[in-house]
Amino acid sequence: MTLPLVNQFLMPYEVWSTRPATQADILARLSTGQHISSCNKSVQVKLLDTIDTPDKAAIYIADGKYDVQISNRITKSLEDIKSGYRQARSSMPGVTPKVLSEYQRRYGSSTNFNLVNNSIKIDGDYLADDQVLFHGGGILNNINPGNSLITLRPLSTSFCPVKSINNGAWRGKYYNEGEANLIILTVKSIKKLAFIYKMNGTDKGHEKEVLIESGALISVISKAKIRDDYEVSVAGAHAGQVLTKKVPFHIIKATIS
C-alpha cells in the first residue's frame, strides 16, 4: 500500500509590509468587537511574498527569517485533514511500537538499528511519489550533484525544514562538519518503507518525524550555497562555554528511492 501525499504547505505563510496601527485603526477594530489586546497590532500594507514551497521555506530559514512562523504554519497544515497527514498517520499503529519510540526518544550510540529497521518493516508503509521531506546534517556533504549513496541505517527526516535544521545543528554537528546543509528530499518510486510518527501525545511530536528504513538510494540533484556566514555553535571544554563560528549554508536537492 502507498500512503497519501502529505502537503505540509497547505497553509502558506504570507510576508507583509506593515505600519503601526493608528488611533483610527484601533477604534475601528474595537467597534468590530476585537479584543483590546489585539487592537494595537500592526496593519498589513502590502503582500511581499507567499512562502508556499519547500524552496522558499528553505531560503528564508537559511537567512534567519520567519522560522517560527513557518514551523507554526506547517503544524497547522498537518493538523488540517485536507493536508493528508491524518490519513497517512492512520496507516501507522495508534500506539508507537516500543522500538521506534525508544529510537525517537533516546537515539544514541546504544541504538540497535537492526531492531529499528525490523520494526519499520512491520509497521511502516511506502511513501507517495513526490512526497517532500527534509533532513539536516552532513550525510551528503561529500556527495556531488549527479552522484548518490545508499543509506546504511534508518534515515530520520521531517515534514518541517525548521526541525531538520535544528536537528542538524544538535550537539554542534554543523560546527564540527564545517558547513550547514538542509536537504530537500523528494520521493521517487521508493522501495523502502517509512514510519510516520504522531505529532500529538508524545514529547517529540513537534519534530514531525518520518523514519525511513536503511538501504534507500539518495541521488543528489543540486547543491546551492545560500550564504557563507551562517553562525553555528558547539559546547566548549569548560562549563558554560559556547564556541561559535560562521560556515557556508547549502540547500541540497535530492531524490530518495
C-alpha atoms as a PDB file:
ATOM      1  CA  MET A   1       0.000   0.000   0.000  1.00  0.00           C
ATOM      2  CA  THR A   2       1.150   3.556  -0.744  1.00  0.00           C
ATOM      3  CA  LEU A   3       0.476   6.372   1.704  1.00  0.00           C
ATOM      4  CA  PRO A   4      -1.384   9.507   0.598  1.00  0.00           C
ATOM      5  CA  LEU A   5       0.672  12.526  -0.394  1.00  0.00           C
ATOM      6  CA  VAL A   6       1.075  14.887   2.560  1.00  0.00           C
ATOM      7  CA  ASN A   7       1.059  18.638   1.850  1.00  0.00           C
ATOM      8  CA  GLN A   8       2.778  20.420   4.716  1.00  0.00           C
ATOM      9  CA  PHE A   9       2.436  23.764   2.891  1.00  0.00           C
ATOM     10  CA  LEU A  10      -1.349  23.642   2.714  1.00  0.00           C
ATOM     11  CA  MET A  11      -1.500  26.892   4.719  1.00  0.00           C
ATOM     12  CA  PRO A  12       1.267  29.150   3.382  1.00  0.00           C
ATOM     13  CA  TYR A  13       2.877  31.909   5.432  1.00  0.00           C
ATOM     14  CA  GLU A  14       2.359  35.370   3.947  1.00  0.00           C
ATOM     15  CA  VAL A  15       5.067  38.021   4.266  1.00  0.00           C
ATOM     16  CA  TRP A  16       3.621  41.538   4.511  1.00  0.00           C
ATOM     17  CA  SER A  17       4.992  45.030   4.839  1.00  0.00           C
ATOM     18  CA  THR A  18       3.296  46.711   7.790  1.00  0.00           C
ATOM     19  CA  ARG A  19       2.796  50.034   9.534  1.00  0.00           C
ATOM     20  CA  PRO A  20       1.914  50.851  13.147  1.00  0.00           C
ATOM     21  CA  ALA A  21      -1.784  50.985  13.957  1.00  0.00           C
ATOM     22  CA  THR A  22      -3.207  54.499  14.192  1.00  0.00           C
ATOM     23  CA  GLN A  23      -5.777  55.654  16.707  1.00  0.00           C
ATOM     24  CA  ALA A  24      -8.386  55.370  13.942  1.00  0.00           C
ATOM     25  CA  ASP A  25      -7.337  51.760  13.264  1.00  0.00           C
ATOM     26  CA  ILE A  26      -7.622  50.912  16.947  1.00  0.00           C
ATOM     27  CA  LEU A  27     -11.083  52.472  17.274  1.00  0.00           C
ATOM     28  CA  ALA A  28     -12.268  50.730  14.109  1.00  0.00           C
ATOM     29  CA  ARG A  29     -11.101  47.375  15.449  1.00  0.00           C
ATOM     30  CA  LEU A  30     -12.771  47.973  18.781  1.00  0.00           C
ATOM     31  CA  SER A  31     -16.018  48.787  17.001  1.00  0.00           C
ATOM     32  CA  THR A  32     -15.989  45.364  15.315  1.00  0.00           C
ATOM     33  CA  GLY A  33     -15.704  43.602  18.655  1.00  0.00           C
ATOM     34  CA  GLN A  34     -11.986  42.740  18.554  1.00  0.00           C
ATOM     35  CA  HIS A  35     -10.382  42.170  21.934  1.00  0.00           C
ATOM     36  CA  ILE A  36      -8.458  45.212  23.107  1.00  0.00           C
ATOM     37  CA  SER A  37      -5.232  43.173  23.315  1.00  0.00           C
ATOM     38  CA  SER A  38      -5.184  42.700  19.518  1.00  0.00           C
ATOM     39  CA  CYS A  39      -6.208  46.206  18.506  1.00  0.00           C
ATOM     40  CA  ASN A  40      -2.657  47.602  18.620  1.00  0.00           C
ATOM     41  CA  LYS A  41      -1.273  45.094  16.132  1.00  0.00           C
ATOM     42  CA  SER A  42       0.488  46.442  13.055  1.00  0.00           C
ATOM     43  CA  VAL A  43      -1.593  46.966   9.937  1.00  0.00           C
ATOM     44  CA  GLN A  44      -0.754  44.926   6.850  1.00  0.00           C
ATOM     45  CA  VAL A  45       0.035  47.183   3.879  1.00  0.00           C
ATOM     46  CA  LYS A  46       1.385  45.083   1.012  1.00  0.00           C
ATOM     47  CA  LEU A  47       1.800  41.357   0.386  1.00  0.00           C
ATOM     48  CA  LEU A  48       5.514  40.840  -0.332  1.00  0.00           C
ATOM     49  CA  ASP A  49       5.742  37.082  -0.684  1.00  0.00           C
ATOM     50  CA  THR A  50       3.961  33.814  -0.008  1.00  0.00           C
ATOM     51  CA  ILE A  51       6.032  31.008   1.497  1.00  0.00           C
ATOM     52  CA  ASP A  52       4.299  28.030  -0.023  1.00  0.00           C
ATOM     53  CA  THR A  53       7.071  25.771  -1.365  1.00  0.00           C
ATOM     54  CA  PRO A  54       9.985  23.811   0.139  1.00  0.00           C
ATOM     55  CA  ASP A  55      12.477  26.016  -1.732  1.00  0.00           C
ATOM     56  CA  LYS A  56      11.069  29.297  -0.444  1.00  0.00           C
ATOM     57  CA  ALA A  57      10.845  27.999   3.104  1.00  0.00           C
ATOM     58  CA  ALA A  58      14.443  26.757   2.996  1.00  0.00           C
ATOM     59  CA  ILE A  59      15.817  30.048   1.666  1.00  0.00           C
ATOM     60  CA  TYR A  60      14.026  32.171   4.262  1.00  0.00           C
ATOM     61  CA  ILE A  61      15.097  29.862   7.088  1.00  0.00           C
ATOM     62  CA  ALA A  62      18.708  29.887   5.877  1.00  0.00           C
ATOM     63  CA  ASP A  63      18.527  33.674   6.031  1.00  0.00           C
ATOM     64  CA  GLY A  64      17.283  33.503   9.623  1.00  0.00           C
ATOM     65  CA  LYS A  65      13.793  34.767   8.799  1.00  0.00           C
ATOM     66  CA  TYR A  66      10.309  33.542   9.734  1.00  0.00           C
ATOM     67  CA  ASP A  67      11.452  30.167  11.097  1.00  0.00           C
ATOM     68  CA  VAL A  68       8.917  30.241  13.939  1.00  0.00           C
ATOM     69  CA  GLN A  69       6.122  31.364  11.633  1.00  0.00           C
ATOM     70  CA  ILE A  70       6.920  28.722   9.007  1.00  0.00           C
ATOM     71  CA  SER A  71       7.082  25.989  11.635  1.00  0.00           C
ATOM     72  CA  ASN A  72       3.733  27.061  13.096  1.00  0.00           C
ATOM     73  CA  ARG A  73       2.069  27.128   9.667  1.00  0.00           C
ATOM     74  CA  ILE A  74       3.348  23.646   8.878  1.00  0.00           C
ATOM     75  CA  THR A  75       1.914  22.398  12.172  1.00  0.00           C
ATOM     76  CA  LYS A  76      -1.474  23.923  11.315  1.00  0.00           C
ATOM     77  CA  SER A  77      -1.320  22.480   7.813  1.00  0.00           C
ATOM     78  CA  LEU A  78      -0.628  18.966   9.069  1.00  0.00           C
ATOM     79  CA  GLU A  79      -3.460  19.241  11.578  1.00  0.00           C
ATOM     80  CA  ASP A  80      -5.897  20.047   8.751  1.00  0.00           C
ATOM     81  CA  ILE A  81      -7.478  16.913   7.310  1.00  0.00           C
ATOM     82  CA  LYS A  82      -7.042  18.264   3.776  1.00  0.00           C
ATOM     83  CA  SER A  83      -3.232  18.012   4.100  1.00  0.00           C
ATOM     84  CA  GLY A  84      -3.349  14.192   4.032  1.00  0.00           C
ATOM     85  CA  TYR A  85      -1.309  13.828   7.230  1.00  0.00           C
ATOM     86  CA  ARG A  86      -4.110  12.267   9.276  1.00  0.00           C
ATOM     87  CA  GLN A  87      -4.843   9.761   6.538  1.00  0.00           C
ATOM     88  CA  ALA A  88      -1.165   8.827   6.308  1.00  0.00           C
ATOM     89  CA  ARG A  89      -0.871   8.521  10.087  1.00  0.00           C
ATOM     90  CA  SER A  90      -3.933   6.278  10.189  1.00  0.00           C
ATOM     91  CA  SER A  91      -1.897   3.626   8.374  1.00  0.00           C
ATOM     92  CA  MET A  92       0.517   3.540  11.324  1.00  0.00           C
ATOM     93  CA  PRO A  93      -0.230   1.839  14.677  1.00  0.00           C
ATOM     94  CA  GLY A  94      -2.165   4.000  17.118  1.00  0.00           C
ATOM     95  CA  VAL A  95       0.497   3.303  19.760  1.00  0.00           C
ATOM     96  CA  THR A  96       4.058   3.782  18.536  1.00  0.00           C
ATOM     97  CA  PRO A  97       5.951   0.464  18.707  1.00  0.00           C
ATOM     98  CA  LYS A  98       8.363   0.400  21.631  1.00  0.00           C
ATOM     99  CA  VAL A  99      11.484   0.057  19.478  1.00  0.00           C
ATOM    100  CA  LEU A 100      10.546   3.084  17.384  1.00  0.00           C
ATOM    101  CA  SER A 101       9.524   5.095  20.413  1.00  0.00           C
ATOM    102  CA  GLU A 102      12.869   4.389  22.059  1.00  0.00           C
ATOM    103  CA  TYR A 103      14.666   5.327  18.854  1.00  0.00           C
ATOM    104  CA  GLN A 104      12.972   8.711  18.751  1.00  0.00           C
ATOM    105  CA  ARG A 105      13.348   9.482  22.441  1.00  0.00           C
ATOM    106  CA  ARG A 106      16.772   8.007  23.202  1.00  0.00           C
ATOM    107  CA  TYR A 107      18.688   7.898  19.939  1.00  0.00           C
ATOM    108  CA  GLY A 108      22.382   7.333  20.601  1.00  0.00           C
ATOM    109  CA  SER A 109      25.369   5.018  20.426  1.00  0.00           C
ATOM    110  CA  SER A 110      23.413   2.154  22.021  1.00  0.00           C
ATOM    111  CA  THR A 111      20.612   2.225  19.416  1.00  0.00           C
ATOM    112  CA  ASN A 112      20.074  -1.165  17.764  1.00  0.00           C
ATOM    113  CA  PHE A 113      19.470  -0.201  14.148  1.00  0.00           C
ATOM    114  CA  ASN A 114      18.604  -3.757  13.098  1.00  0.00           C
ATOM    115  CA  LEU A 115      15.700  -3.784  15.532  1.00  0.00           C
ATOM    116  CA  VAL A 116      14.624  -0.345  14.335  1.00  0.00           C
ATOM    117  CA  ASN A 117      14.688  -1.482  10.709  1.00  0.00           C
ATOM    118  CA  ASN A 118      12.667  -4.588  11.501  1.00  0.00           C
ATOM    119  CA  SER A 119      10.068  -2.503  13.292  1.00  0.00           C
ATOM    120  CA  ILE A 120       9.759  -0.138  10.302  1.00  0.00           C
ATOM    121  CA  LYS A 121       9.256  -3.159   8.030  1.00  0.00           C
ATOM    122  CA  ILE A 122       6.468  -4.448  10.249  1.00  0.00           C
ATOM    123  CA  ASP A 123       4.602  -1.202  10.887  1.00  0.00           C
ATOM    124  CA  GLY A 124       5.686   1.172   8.113  1.00  0.00           C
ATOM    125  CA  ASP A 125       4.374   1.799   4.624  1.00  0.00           C
ATOM    126  CA  TYR A 126       5.524   3.227   1.284  1.00  0.00           C
ATOM    127  CA  LEU A 127       5.631   6.986   0.838  1.00  0.00           C
ATOM    128  CA  ALA A 128       3.854   8.501  -2.153  1.00  0.00           C
ATOM    129  CA  ASP A 129       5.782   9.684  -5.181  1.00  0.00           C
ATOM    130  CA  ASP A 130       6.649  13.407  -4.960  1.00  0.00           C
ATOM    131  CA  GLN A 131       6.375  13.408  -1.173  1.00  0.00           C
ATOM    132  CA  VAL A 132       8.721  16.116   0.141  1.00  0.00           C
ATOM    133  CA  LEU A 133      10.709  15.616   3.332  1.00  0.00           C
ATOM    134  CA  PHE A 134      13.646  17.412   4.920  1.00  0.00           C
ATOM    135  CA  HIS A 135      16.889  16.307   6.526  1.00  0.00           C
ATOM    136  CA  GLY A 136      19.502  18.478   8.212  1.00  0.00           C
ATOM    137  CA  GLY A 137      23.070  17.285   8.542  1.00  0.00           C
ATOM    138  CA  GLY A 138      26.168  16.042   6.800  1.00  0.00           C
ATOM    139  CA  ILE A 139      25.040  12.810   5.169  1.00  0.00           C
ATOM    140  CA  LEU A 140      25.549  14.346   1.691  1.00  0.00           C
ATOM    141  CA  ASN A 141      28.462  16.671   2.487  1.00  0.00           C
ATOM    142  CA  ASN A 142      30.865  14.851   0.154  1.00  0.00           C
ATOM    143  CA  ILE A 143      28.353  13.756  -2.495  1.00  0.00           C
ATOM    144  CA  ASN A 144      28.331  15.945  -5.603  1.00  0.00           C
ATOM    145  CA  PRO A 145      25.323  16.512  -7.895  1.00  0.00           C
ATOM    146  CA  GLY A 146      24.875  13.546 -10.205  1.00  0.00           C
ATOM    147  CA  ASN A 147      26.130  11.086  -7.570  1.00  0.00           C
ATOM    148  CA  SER A 148      24.296   9.033  -4.984  1.00  0.00           C
ATOM    149  CA  LEU A 149      24.597   6.944  -1.846  1.00  0.00           C
ATOM    150  CA  ILE A 150      22.722   4.122  -0.172  1.00  0.00           C
ATOM    151  CA  THR A 151      21.790   4.697   3.456  1.00  0.00           C
ATOM    152  CA  LEU A 152      23.353   2.238   5.877  1.00  0.00           C
ATOM    153  CA  ARG A 153      20.908   2.837   8.728  1.00  0.00           C
ATOM    154  CA  PRO A 154      17.431   4.313   9.197  1.00  0.00           C
ATOM    155  CA  LEU A 155      17.192   7.887   7.961  1.00  0.00           C
ATOM    156  CA  SER A 156      15.416  10.431  10.135  1.00  0.00           C
ATOM    157  CA  THR A 157      13.538  13.045   8.113  1.00  0.00           C
ATOM    158  CA  SER A 158      10.858  15.607   8.893  1.00  0.00           C
ATOM    159  CA  PHE A 159       7.897  17.271   7.257  1.00  0.00           C
ATOM    160  CA  CYS A 160       9.333  20.548   8.608  1.00  0.00           C
ATOM    161  CA  PRO A 161      12.579  22.215   7.436  1.00  0.00           C
ATOM    162  CA  VAL A 162      12.932  24.163  10.691  1.00  0.00           C
ATOM    163  CA  LYS A 163      13.042  20.962  12.764  1.00  0.00           C
ATOM    164  CA  SER A 164      15.517  19.433  10.332  1.00  0.00           C
ATOM    165  CA  ILE A 165      17.880  22.388  10.645  1.00  0.00           C
ATOM    166  CA  ASN A 166      17.631  22.231  14.430  1.00  0.00           C
ATOM    167  CA  ASN A 167      18.448  18.529  14.358  1.00  0.00           C
ATOM    168  CA  GLY A 168      21.369  19.177  12.027  1.00  0.00           C
ATOM    169  CA  ALA A 169      22.804  21.666  14.491  1.00  0.00           C
ATOM    170  CA  TRP A 170      22.224  19.425  17.526  1.00  0.00           C
ATOM    171  CA  ARG A 171      25.316  18.876  19.670  1.00  0.00           C
ATOM    172  CA  GLY A 172      27.428  21.028  17.395  1.00  0.00           C
ATOM    173  CA  LYS A 173      27.172  18.832  14.296  1.00  0.00           C
ATOM    174  CA  TYR A 174      27.158  21.777  11.884  1.00  0.00           C
ATOM    175  CA  TYR A 175      30.069  23.310  13.792  1.00  0.00           C
ATOM    176  CA  ASN A 176      32.149  20.147  13.635  1.00  0.00           C
ATOM    177  CA  GLU A 177      31.318  19.464   9.979  1.00  0.00           C
ATOM    178  CA  GLY A 178      32.264  22.986   8.902  1.00  0.00           C
ATOM    179  CA  GLU A 179      29.123  23.510   6.841  1.00  0.00           C
ATOM    180  CA  ALA A 180      25.366  23.603   7.358  1.00  0.00           C
ATOM    181  CA  ASN A 181      23.205  21.694   4.916  1.00  0.00           C
ATOM    182  CA  LEU A 182      19.443  21.454   4.580  1.00  0.00           C
ATOM    183  CA  ILE A 183      18.428  18.588   2.299  1.00  0.00           C
ATOM    184  CA  ILE A 184      15.129  18.710   0.430  1.00  0.00           C
ATOM    185  CA  LEU A 185      14.228  15.106  -0.350  1.00  0.00           C
ATOM    186  CA  THR A 186      11.634  14.161  -2.956  1.00  0.00           C
ATOM    187  CA  VAL A 187      10.344  10.592  -3.035  1.00  0.00           C
ATOM    188  CA  LYS A 188      10.606   8.781  -6.373  1.00  0.00           C
ATOM    189  CA  SER A 189       9.442   5.158  -6.668  1.00  0.00           C
ATOM    190  CA  ILE A 190      10.733   4.398  -3.205  1.00  0.00           C
ATOM    191  CA  LYS A 191      11.457   0.765  -2.406  1.00  0.00           C
ATOM    192  CA  LYS A 192      11.929   1.219   1.323  1.00  0.00           C
ATOM    193  CA  LEU A 193       9.264   1.558   3.986  1.00  0.00           C
ATOM    194  CA  ALA A 194       8.730   4.562   6.214  1.00  0.00           C
ATOM    195  CA  PHE A 195       7.183   5.159   9.619  1.00  0.00           C
ATOM    196  CA  ILE A 196       5.365   8.433  10.291  1.00  0.00           C
ATOM    197  CA  TYR A 197       5.468   9.444  13.946  1.00  0.00           C
ATOM    198  CA  LYS A 198       2.454  11.100  15.526  1.00  0.00           C
ATOM    199  CA  MET A 199       2.569  14.763  16.483  1.00  0.00           C
ATOM    200  CA  ASN A 200       0.262  14.662  19.498  1.00  0.00           C
ATOM    201  CA  GLY A 201       0.619  12.738  22.722  1.00  0.00           C
ATOM    202  CA  THR A 202       4.411  12.476  22.641  1.00  0.00           C
ATOM    203  CA  ASP A 203       7.197  14.785  23.783  1.00  0.00           C
ATOM    204  CA  LYS A 204       8.932  14.506  20.394  1.00  0.00           C
ATOM    205  CA  GLY A 205       5.832  15.110  18.298  1.00  0.00           C
ATOM    206  CA  HIS A 206       6.992  18.619  17.392  1.00  0.00           C
ATOM    207  CA  GLU A 207       9.753  17.067  15.262  1.00  0.00           C
ATOM    208  CA  LYS A 208       7.172  15.822  12.731  1.00  0.00           C
ATOM    209  CA  GLU A 209       9.468  12.902  12.072  1.00  0.00           C
ATOM    210  CA  VAL A 210       9.344  10.343   9.276  1.00  0.00           C
ATOM    211  CA  LEU A 211      11.790   7.448   9.665  1.00  0.00           C
ATOM    212  CA  ILE A 212      12.862   5.600   6.504  1.00  0.00           C
ATOM    213  CA  GLU A 213      14.384   2.130   6.655  1.00  0.00           C
ATOM    214  CA  SER A 214      18.012   1.649   5.642  1.00  0.00           C
ATOM    215  CA  GLY A 215      19.026   0.792   2.102  1.00  0.00           C
ATOM    216  CA  ALA A 216      17.312   3.776   0.486  1.00  0.00           C
ATOM    217  CA  LEU A 217      19.015   5.331  -2.537  1.00  0.00           C
ATOM    218  CA  ILE A 218      19.620   9.087  -2.264  1.00  0.00           C
ATOM    219  CA  SER A 219      20.588  10.808  -5.506  1.00  0.00           C
ATOM    220  CA  VAL A 220      21.853  14.393  -5.393  1.00  0.00           C
ATOM    221  CA  ILE A 221      20.333  16.733  -7.978  1.00  0.00           C
ATOM    222  CA  SER A 222      21.817  20.070  -6.935  1.00  0.00           C
ATOM    223  CA  LYS A 223      23.728  21.814  -4.171  1.00  0.00           C
ATOM    224  CA  ALA A 224      23.386  25.600  -3.896  1.00  0.00           C
ATOM    225  CA  LYS A 225      25.288  27.812  -1.481  1.00  0.00           C
ATOM    226  CA  ILE A 226      22.894  30.299   0.064  1.00  0.00           C
ATOM    227  CA  ARG A 227      25.343  32.147   2.300  1.00  0.00           C
ATOM    228  CA  ASP A 228      28.893  31.993   3.699  1.00  0.00           C
ATOM    229  CA  ASP A 229      28.210  33.392   7.144  1.00  0.00           C
ATOM    230  CA  TYR A 230      25.718  31.052   8.808  1.00  0.00           C
ATOM    231  CA  GLU A 231      26.539  31.096  12.524  1.00  0.00           C
ATOM    232  CA  VAL A 232      26.846  27.728  14.274  1.00  0.00           C
ATOM    233  CA  SER A 233      27.932  26.753  17.759  1.00  0.00           C
ATOM    234  CA  VAL A 234      29.150  23.927  19.960  1.00  0.00           C
ATOM    235  CA  ALA A 235      29.666  23.488  23.700  1.00  0.00           C
ATOM    236  CA  GLY A 236      33.238  24.264  24.744  1.00  0.00           C
ATOM    237  CA  ALA A 237      35.519  22.336  27.048  1.00  0.00           C
ATOM    238  CA  HIS A 238      34.606  24.410  30.087  1.00  0.00           C
ATOM    239  CA  ALA A 239      31.241  24.617  31.824  1.00  0.00           C
ATOM    240  CA  GLY A 240      29.032  27.212  30.184  1.00  0.00           C
ATOM    241  CA  GLN A 241      31.485  27.824  27.344  1.00  0.00           C
ATOM    242  CA  VAL A 242      29.999  28.091  23.851  1.00  0.00           C
ATOM    243  CA  LEU A 243      32.179  28.228  20.734  1.00  0.00           C
ATOM    244  CA  THR A 244      30.774  29.881  17.607  1.00  0.00           C
ATOM    245  CA  LYS A 245      31.911  30.316  14.022  1.00  0.00           C
ATOM    246  CA  LYS A 246      30.455  31.087  10.609  1.00  0.00           C
ATOM    247  CA  VAL A 247      30.138  28.402   7.949  1.00  0.00           C
ATOM    248  CA  PRO A 248      28.600  28.040   4.467  1.00  0.00           C
ATOM    249  CA  PHE A 249      24.921  27.124   4.300  1.00  0.00           C
ATOM    250  CA  HIS A 250      23.789  24.946   1.397  1.00  0.00           C
ATOM    251  CA  ILE A 251      20.412  23.785   0.182  1.00  0.00           C
ATOM    252  CA  ILE A 252      20.736  20.322  -1.332  1.00  0.00           C
ATOM    253  CA  LYS A 253      18.030  18.851  -3.523  1.00  0.00           C
ATOM    254  CA  ALA A 254      17.909  15.088  -3.816  1.00  0.00           C
ATOM    255  CA  THR A 255      15.582  12.223  -4.619  1.00  0.00           C
ATOM    256  CA  ILE A 256      15.098   9.201  -2.387  1.00  0.00           C
ATOM    257  CA  SER A 257      14.039   5.848  -3.753  1.00  0.00           C
END
